[in-house]
Each structure stands twice: as structure tokens, then as C-alpha cells.
Amino acid sequence: MIGSQPTRPTAQALGAQQLAASAAARTDESRSTGPVTTAGEPTRGPFRAFGVILRWVLLVAISLLMMYPFAWLLAASLKPRGEVFDNRLIPRTFTPENYVEVFNQLPLLNWVWNSIFIALLAATFVTISSSIVAFGFAYFRFPFRNAIFGIVLATMMLPGAVTLIPNYLIWKWLGWLGTTVPLWGATIFGSAFYIFLMRQFYLSLPRDLFEAARVDGCSFFGLFWRIAFPLALPSSIIVFIFEFQAAWNNFQGPLIYLNFGDPTGYTAPLGIAYAMTLYSPTAGGHGDYQYVMVASLLVTLPMLVIFAFGQRYFIEGIAAGSVKG
């Protein structure tokens, strides 16, 4: 109509125009020559890429360096007697029959079973006893609690050589020399390091949860067994793994308490040391160290399996136990 006023754009039209303008701006920005920092200088993309590549190269190199002893052990276990120490990662002569003959040469199954028995008892006892003591320090309020806890931590400052002879005399007086009891019996009383680790985890649990359970009639032991211990399962698993590894790799203890009598009663580390002496040419042996390499490789596998299955709990236990609630 002549003389009529032009129509104003609607809200939808204005919104569409704004969206189109923002899209065009993003397109122009993406077509720019490169990203620009707040100071107006281009970012150092090539230097950052070089840093990432260098980091990966270092990680791969260190990983290969750490895996070299295991690769060497695997290669040596597949070599004949005369080629064990030639440092070749690919054997010139493959002898897989070493893995069969080792059980005829050494009581390896007895050594492995003795180590498993001792490690399971030590890990189980120290996990339960340390958990109970740690819960007591974390939940209960009693006089001189901090002082007593400090004394418990102070026991970690004592070198093992200081308590070696007193412990030996105690086990001798009890008449348990030559048995496996000294290797796991002391774990019944807990460990200062594990008590500290699990106490930190228990402190992260809300105290109101235990107070509500007490109102409902739960006993003190029920607070631990039904509430605290299940919630602290990651830290319990990490304590179990730590102690199992320590008991499995323990050489000094079996050397002191089991190094006499029948070799079938030895643990795996002590048995491998016995095999090294047995096959040594200076002791009348023929240098059949390939069996020692096979035994060393086989006794390493259980720890690899345990860490493979317990890695998730290992990380969770360390992360949660290091934070105090």
C-alpha cells in the first residue's frame, strides 16, 4: 500500500540473523593463518609436538630398559647349558625341554607351595590385624592416643638388624626353629606401616555413619567388620598385595630359620640360591644354570598375575588412603 510504513523484523528473523553472523565469524576464524595467543604471537605448535614425541621416546626407552632383565631371563631359560650367558635375546639353540626337566632336577613344586603357604598366611594375618588396630586409632578417643600411635610409627625407625637376634632367640625359646611359623607368626601383631596406611583410609570415612550404627545397636566389632572393613576393601587389598610380595620375595627369613634339613622344605628364593650352589662348578656341579633360569622365571609369574588383577585396587587404595577426611 502506498504510504504505508515498512514492517519491522520479527524476533525470529533477528535471531536467525545473529546465528548466521556468528557462524560466518567462526568460519572466518577457522580460515585464519593459525592460532594466535593473547599476546598476539602465534602458538608454538611445532615445539609442543616435539615435546610430546620426546616424551614418548623417553618412556619407550625406559620401559625397554626396565624390561631387558626379564627378556634376558626368558631367553636364558630357553638355552642349553653352554649358551646361557651369551647375552643373546634370541637363543641360537632353542631348548624348551628345560621347562620339563627342571621338575626332575629340582623340587620346584615344593618350593613354590611353601612360598604360597607362607605368603598367604602372612598377608592374611597382617591385613586383618593391621586393619583392627588402624580402626581403633581412627575411631576411638582415648588418653595418650597420639602418643601411642607415635610409638607405633617409631618402630619403623628400627633397622631389621637390631631386632634380628632377639627375634631369633624368641623363636628358638618357643621351639619353632626349622618350621615356617617364624616367617608368618609375627604378622599376627600387625605392621606399623600398614597400620598407618589403613588409619588414613579410615579417617576419610564419615564418622556420622558409625554414630548412626551405634544408635541402631551395632557393637564396636560390628562397626569394624560390617561397615569399616568393607568400605576399606581397596586399602585392604593393597596391604595384602604388599605383604604377599614381601613374604614371597623374603630371602633372609628362610635363610635363618629354614636353611638346614631337607631342601624340599625351602621357599622359592632360598631354593633358587640352593640351586645356584648345587650347579656351581666350584661345588662339584656341571654349570646347569639353565634350570636356575627356568625356576627364577616360574617363581616370578605369580607376582605378575597378582599385580595384573590387583592393579585397579592398588591405585584406588593409594589414592583414597592418602586423603584424610
Protein backbone atom coordinates (compact mmCIF):
# COMPACT_ATOMS: atom_id res chain seq x y z
CA MET A 1 0.00 0.00 0.00
CA ILE A 2 1.31 3.48 -0.92
CA GLY A 3 2.44 5.45 2.11
CA SER A 4 2.45 2.53 4.48
CA GLN A 5 5.34 2.13 7.00
CA PRO A 6 7.90 -0.68 6.42
CA THR A 7 7.32 -3.73 8.58
CA ARG A 8 9.72 -4.33 11.49
CA PRO A 9 11.69 -7.61 11.52
CA THR A 10 10.32 -10.19 13.90
CA ALA A 11 12.23 -11.71 16.82
CA GLN A 12 12.73 -14.95 14.92
CA ALA A 13 14.24 -13.09 11.98
CA LEU A 14 16.63 -11.23 14.27
CA GLY A 15 17.66 -14.49 15.94
CA ALA A 16 18.32 -16.12 12.58
CA GLN A 17 20.46 -13.15 11.51
CA GLN A 18 22.53 -13.35 14.71
CA LEU A 19 23.11 -17.07 14.27
CA ALA A 20 24.17 -16.57 10.67
CA ALA A 21 26.57 -13.81 11.69
CA SER A 22 28.16 -15.93 14.45
CA ALA A 23 28.54 -18.88 12.06
CA ALA A 24 30.23 -16.64 9.50
CA ALA A 25 32.57 -15.32 12.18
CA ARG A 26 33.56 -18.85 13.21
CA THR A 27 34.16 -19.76 9.58
CA ASP A 28 36.42 -16.76 9.08
CA GLU A 29 38.31 -17.60 12.27
CA SER A 30 38.87 -21.19 11.17
CA ARG A 31 40.29 -19.95 7.86
CA SER A 32 42.86 -17.79 9.56
CA THR A 33 46.54 -18.50 9.09
CA GLY A 34 46.95 -20.03 12.55
CA PRO A 35 46.02 -19.74 16.21
CA VAL A 36 47.09 -16.60 17.97
CA THR A 37 47.94 -16.23 21.63
CA THR A 38 46.66 -13.46 23.87
CA ALA A 39 49.89 -11.56 23.28
CA GLY A 40 49.31 -11.56 19.53
CA GLU A 41 52.07 -14.11 18.77
CA PRO A 42 51.44 -17.47 17.10
CA THR A 43 51.47 -20.50 19.40
CA ARG A 44 54.47 -22.81 19.42
CA GLY A 45 52.79 -25.82 17.83
CA PRO A 46 55.96 -27.47 16.45
CA PHE A 47 57.75 -27.18 19.79
CA ARG A 48 54.81 -28.74 21.61
CA ALA A 49 54.69 -31.63 19.12
CA PHE A 50 58.44 -32.12 19.56
CA GLY A 51 57.97 -32.27 23.35
CA VAL A 52 55.27 -34.92 23.03
CA ILE A 53 57.43 -37.01 20.71
CA LEU A 54 60.44 -36.68 23.00
CA ARG A 55 58.37 -37.73 26.00
CA TRP A 56 57.10 -40.83 24.25
CA VAL A 57 60.59 -41.75 23.09
CA LEU A 58 61.91 -41.47 26.65
CA LEU A 59 59.02 -43.51 28.05
CA VAL A 60 59.52 -46.28 25.49
CA ALA A 61 63.28 -46.30 26.02
CA ILE A 62 62.96 -46.52 29.82
CA SER A 63 60.30 -49.23 29.51
CA LEU A 64 62.53 -51.30 27.25
CA LEU A 65 65.43 -50.78 29.63
CA MET A 66 63.35 -52.00 32.58
CA MET A 67 62.06 -55.00 30.61
CA TYR A 68 65.51 -56.08 29.45
CA PRO A 69 66.35 -58.23 32.53
CA PHE A 70 63.06 -60.12 32.18
CA ALA A 71 63.64 -60.62 28.44
CA TRP A 72 67.17 -61.84 29.15
CA LEU A 73 65.86 -64.28 31.77
CA LEU A 74 63.25 -65.62 29.35
CA ALA A 75 65.88 -66.11 26.65
CA ALA A 76 68.35 -67.78 29.05
CA SER A 77 65.68 -70.25 30.20
CA LEU A 78 65.35 -71.49 26.60
CA LYS A 79 69.07 -72.06 26.01
CA PRO A 80 71.27 -75.11 26.54
CA ARG A 81 73.92 -75.19 29.22
CA GLY A 82 76.75 -73.77 27.14
CA GLU A 83 74.79 -70.75 25.86
CA VAL A 84 73.10 -69.43 29.00
CA PHE A 85 75.39 -66.43 29.46
CA ASP A 86 75.96 -65.43 25.82
CA ASN A 87 73.66 -62.36 26.23
CA ARG A 88 71.63 -63.19 23.11
CA LEU A 89 67.96 -62.26 23.43
CA ILE A 90 67.11 -64.76 20.67
CA PRO A 91 68.59 -68.16 21.57
CA ARG A 92 70.78 -69.78 18.96
CA THR A 93 69.52 -73.19 20.06
CA PHE A 94 66.01 -73.43 21.50
CA THR A 95 65.69 -75.98 24.31
CA PRO A 96 62.10 -75.80 25.61
CA GLU A 97 62.59 -79.14 27.33
CA ASN A 98 64.25 -77.18 30.14
CA TYR A 99 60.75 -76.40 31.44
CA VAL A 100 60.07 -80.13 31.80
CA GLU A 101 63.47 -81.23 33.04
CA VAL A 102 63.58 -78.60 35.79
CA PHE A 103 60.95 -80.51 37.78
CA ASN A 104 63.15 -83.62 37.63
CA GLN A 105 66.25 -81.70 38.68
CA LEU A 106 64.80 -79.54 41.46
CA PRO A 107 61.91 -79.85 43.94
CA LEU A 108 60.43 -76.68 42.44
CA LEU A 109 56.80 -77.55 43.22
CA ASN A 110 57.65 -77.97 46.91
CA TRP A 111 59.42 -74.61 46.97
CA VAL A 112 56.53 -72.85 45.26
CA TRP A 113 53.96 -74.43 47.57
CA ASN A 114 55.97 -73.46 50.67
CA SER A 115 56.22 -69.87 49.43
CA ILE A 116 52.50 -69.70 48.64
CA PHE A 117 51.59 -71.12 52.04
CA ILE A 118 53.80 -68.67 53.93
CA ALA A 119 52.79 -65.67 51.80
CA LEU A 120 49.07 -66.36 52.13
CA LEU A 121 49.23 -66.73 55.91
CA ALA A 122 51.44 -63.67 56.37
CA ALA A 123 49.32 -61.48 54.08
CA THR A 124 46.02 -62.60 55.61
CA PHE A 125 47.10 -62.18 59.22
CA VAL A 126 48.79 -58.83 58.75
CA THR A 127 45.83 -57.43 56.79
CA ILE A 128 43.29 -58.36 59.47
CA SER A 129 45.40 -57.40 62.48
CA SER A 130 46.59 -54.10 60.99
CA SER A 131 43.01 -53.23 60.00
CA ILE A 132 41.72 -53.77 63.52
CA VAL A 133 44.46 -51.66 65.12
CA ALA A 134 44.11 -48.93 62.48
CA PHE A 135 40.36 -48.72 63.05
CA GLY A 136 40.95 -48.39 66.77
CA PHE A 137 43.31 -45.46 66.27
CA ALA A 138 40.95 -43.81 63.77
CA TYR A 139 37.60 -44.18 65.57
CA PHE A 140 38.13 -44.34 69.33
CA ARG A 141 39.08 -41.39 71.51
CA PHE A 142 41.22 -42.42 74.49
CA PRO A 143 44.03 -40.87 76.55
CA PHE A 144 47.50 -40.75 75.02
CA ARG A 145 46.15 -41.96 71.68
CA ASN A 146 48.50 -39.79 69.63
CA ALA A 147 51.47 -40.69 71.82
CA ILE A 148 50.81 -44.41 71.44
CA PHE A 149 50.35 -44.02 67.72
CA GLY A 150 53.66 -42.15 67.57
CA ILE A 151 55.37 -45.03 69.37
CA VAL A 152 53.90 -47.45 66.83
CA LEU A 153 55.29 -45.34 64.00
CA ALA A 154 58.64 -45.07 65.77
CA THR A 155 59.09 -48.83 65.46
CA MET A 156 59.60 -48.30 61.74
CA MET A 157 62.80 -46.41 62.55
CA LEU A 158 64.44 -49.54 63.97
CA PRO A 159 66.65 -51.36 61.44
CA GLY A 160 65.88 -55.02 60.91
CA ALA A 161 69.39 -55.95 62.05
CA VAL A 162 68.64 -54.57 65.54
CA THR A 163 65.73 -56.96 66.15
CA LEU A 164 67.18 -59.91 64.24
CA ILE A 165 68.93 -61.64 67.15
CA PRO A 166 66.14 -61.02 69.74
CA ASN A 167 63.56 -62.45 67.33
CA TYR A 168 65.73 -65.47 66.68
CA LEU A 169 66.14 -66.11 70.39
CA ILE A 170 62.38 -65.83 70.93
CA TRP A 171 61.56 -68.36 68.21
CA LYS A 172 64.32 -70.65 69.49
CA TRP A 173 62.89 -70.49 73.02
CA LEU A 174 59.46 -71.33 71.64
CA GLY A 175 60.95 -74.33 69.81
CA TRP A 176 59.85 -73.31 66.31
CA LEU A 177 63.20 -73.20 64.56
CA GLY A 178 63.13 -75.20 61.36
CA THR A 179 59.43 -74.50 60.84
CA THR A 180 57.56 -71.90 58.81
CA VAL A 181 55.99 -70.29 61.89
CA PRO A 182 58.69 -67.59 62.34
CA LEU A 183 58.07 -66.47 58.76
CA TRP A 184 54.40 -65.63 59.31
CA GLY A 185 53.83 -65.71 63.07
CA ALA A 186 54.96 -62.13 63.69
CA THR A 187 52.37 -60.79 61.24
CA ILE A 188 49.60 -61.66 63.71
CA PHE A 189 50.54 -58.49 65.63
CA GLY A 190 50.27 -56.20 62.60
CA SER A 191 52.71 -53.85 60.93
CA ALA A 192 53.35 -50.19 61.72
CA PHE A 193 53.42 -49.13 58.08
CA TYR A 194 50.16 -50.93 57.26
CA ILE A 195 48.52 -49.52 60.39
CA PHE A 196 49.43 -46.01 59.29
CA LEU A 197 48.19 -46.63 55.74
CA MET A 198 44.82 -48.04 56.77
CA ARG A 199 44.32 -45.47 59.54
CA GLN A 200 44.49 -42.73 56.92
CA PHE A 201 41.81 -44.53 54.93
CA TYR A 202 39.53 -44.98 57.95
CA LEU A 203 39.88 -41.29 58.79
CA SER A 204 38.39 -40.45 55.39
CA LEU A 205 35.15 -42.29 56.28
CA PRO A 206 32.36 -40.11 57.74
CA ARG A 207 32.12 -40.53 61.50
CA ASP A 208 28.34 -39.92 61.40
CA LEU A 209 27.99 -43.26 59.66
CA PHE A 210 29.40 -45.08 62.68
CA GLU A 211 27.44 -42.98 65.14
CA ALA A 212 24.19 -43.87 63.35
CA ALA A 213 25.14 -47.55 63.51
CA ARG A 214 25.82 -47.23 67.23
CA VAL A 215 22.37 -45.72 67.74
CA ASP A 216 20.89 -48.74 65.96
CA GLY A 217 22.64 -51.04 68.44
CA CYS A 218 25.69 -52.11 66.44
CA SER A 219 28.62 -53.31 68.54
CA PHE A 220 32.14 -51.90 68.25
CA PHE A 221 33.34 -55.01 66.45
CA GLY A 222 30.31 -54.76 64.19
CA LEU A 223 31.33 -51.21 63.27
CA PHE A 224 34.62 -52.58 62.06
CA TRP A 225 33.52 -55.83 60.44
CA ARG A 226 30.23 -54.69 58.87
CA ILE A 227 30.98 -51.07 57.94
CA ALA A 228 34.63 -50.02 58.11
CA PHE A 229 36.33 -53.11 56.69
CA PRO A 230 34.05 -53.47 53.61
CA LEU A 231 34.44 -49.77 52.82
CA ALA A 232 38.22 -50.06 53.24
CA LEU A 233 38.47 -53.01 50.86
CA PRO A 234 40.77 -51.22 48.36
CA SER A 235 43.29 -50.40 51.08
CA SER A 236 42.99 -53.94 52.49
CA ILE A 237 43.78 -55.39 49.08
CA ILE A 238 46.83 -53.19 48.68
CA VAL A 239 48.09 -54.24 52.12
CA PHE A 240 47.53 -57.88 51.15
CA ILE A 241 49.47 -57.41 47.90
CA PHE A 242 52.34 -55.61 49.63
CA GLU A 243 52.73 -58.28 52.29
CA PHE A 244 52.30 -61.15 49.83
CA GLN A 245 55.10 -59.72 47.73
CA ALA A 246 57.31 -59.17 50.76
CA ALA A 247 56.76 -62.71 52.04
CA TRP A 248 57.17 -64.21 48.57
CA ASN A 249 60.50 -62.44 47.95
CA ASN A 250 61.78 -62.85 51.50
CA PHE A 251 65.20 -64.47 51.45
CA GLN A 252 66.72 -63.52 54.79
CA GLY A 253 64.00 -65.11 56.91
CA PRO A 254 64.10 -68.57 55.27
CA LEU A 255 67.89 -68.40 55.22
CA ILE A 256 67.89 -68.04 59.02
CA TYR A 257 65.04 -70.33 60.03
CA LEU A 258 64.90 -72.96 57.24
CA ASN A 259 68.47 -73.29 55.98
CA PHE A 260 69.00 -76.76 57.39
CA GLY A 261 67.43 -80.14 56.93
CA ASP A 262 65.66 -81.33 53.78
CA PRO A 263 65.88 -78.90 50.80
CA THR A 264 62.26 -79.71 49.93
CA GLY A 265 61.25 -77.53 52.88
CA TYR A 266 62.85 -74.43 51.38
CA THR A 267 60.97 -71.48 49.94
CA ALA A 268 61.40 -70.39 46.32
CA PRO A 269 64.10 -67.70 46.92
CA LEU A 270 66.08 -69.97 49.23
CA GLY A 271 65.64 -72.89 46.84
CA ILE A 272 66.99 -70.88 43.90
CA ALA A 273 70.04 -69.89 45.97
CA TYR A 274 70.48 -73.58 46.85
CA ALA A 275 70.29 -74.48 43.13
CA MET A 276 72.95 -71.89 42.29
CA THR A 277 75.28 -73.57 44.76
CA LEU A 278 74.27 -77.05 43.59
CA TYR A 279 75.16 -76.38 39.96
CA SER A 280 78.25 -74.29 40.67
CA PRO A 281 81.41 -75.90 39.25
CA THR A 282 83.32 -74.85 42.37
CA ALA A 283 80.93 -77.03 44.42
CA GLY A 284 81.16 -80.02 42.10
CA GLY A 285 78.30 -79.07 39.77
CA HIS A 286 78.25 -79.04 35.99
CA GLY A 287 77.05 -75.48 35.46
CA ASP A 288 73.44 -76.34 34.57
CA TYR A 289 72.30 -72.82 35.25
CA GLN A 290 69.54 -73.05 32.64
CA TYR A 291 67.43 -74.80 35.28
CA VAL A 292 68.05 -71.92 37.67
CA MET A 293 66.83 -69.51 34.99
CA VAL A 294 63.67 -71.56 34.43
CA ALA A 295 62.98 -71.71 38.16
CA SER A 296 63.56 -67.96 38.53
CA LEU A 297 61.15 -67.22 35.68
CA LEU A 298 58.44 -69.53 37.01
CA VAL A 299 58.52 -68.11 40.53
CA THR A 300 58.18 -64.59 39.06
CA LEU A 301 54.89 -65.35 37.29
CA PRO A 302 52.64 -65.44 40.41
CA MET A 303 53.57 -61.87 41.32
CA LEU A 304 52.89 -60.71 37.77
CA VAL A 305 49.44 -62.29 37.91
CA ILE A 306 48.64 -60.75 41.29
CA PHE A 307 49.61 -57.26 40.16
CA ALA A 308 47.70 -57.67 36.89
CA PHE A 309 44.46 -58.47 38.73
CA GLY A 310 45.03 -56.11 41.67
CA GLN A 311 46.21 -53.05 39.76
CA ARG A 312 42.85 -51.28 40.00
CA TYR A 313 42.66 -51.80 43.77
CA PHE A 314 46.30 -50.78 44.04
CA ILE A 315 45.62 -47.37 42.50
CA GLU A 316 42.37 -46.86 44.41
CA GLY A 317 43.94 -47.84 47.71
CA ILE A 318 46.86 -45.44 47.34
CA ALA A 319 44.69 -42.55 46.14
CA ALA A 320 41.98 -42.98 48.79
CA GLY A 321 44.30 -43.79 51.65
CA SER A 322 46.41 -40.68 51.09
CA VAL A 323 43.47 -38.30 51.72
CA LYS A 324 42.33 -37.55 55.24
CA GLY A 325 38.64 -36.75 55.65
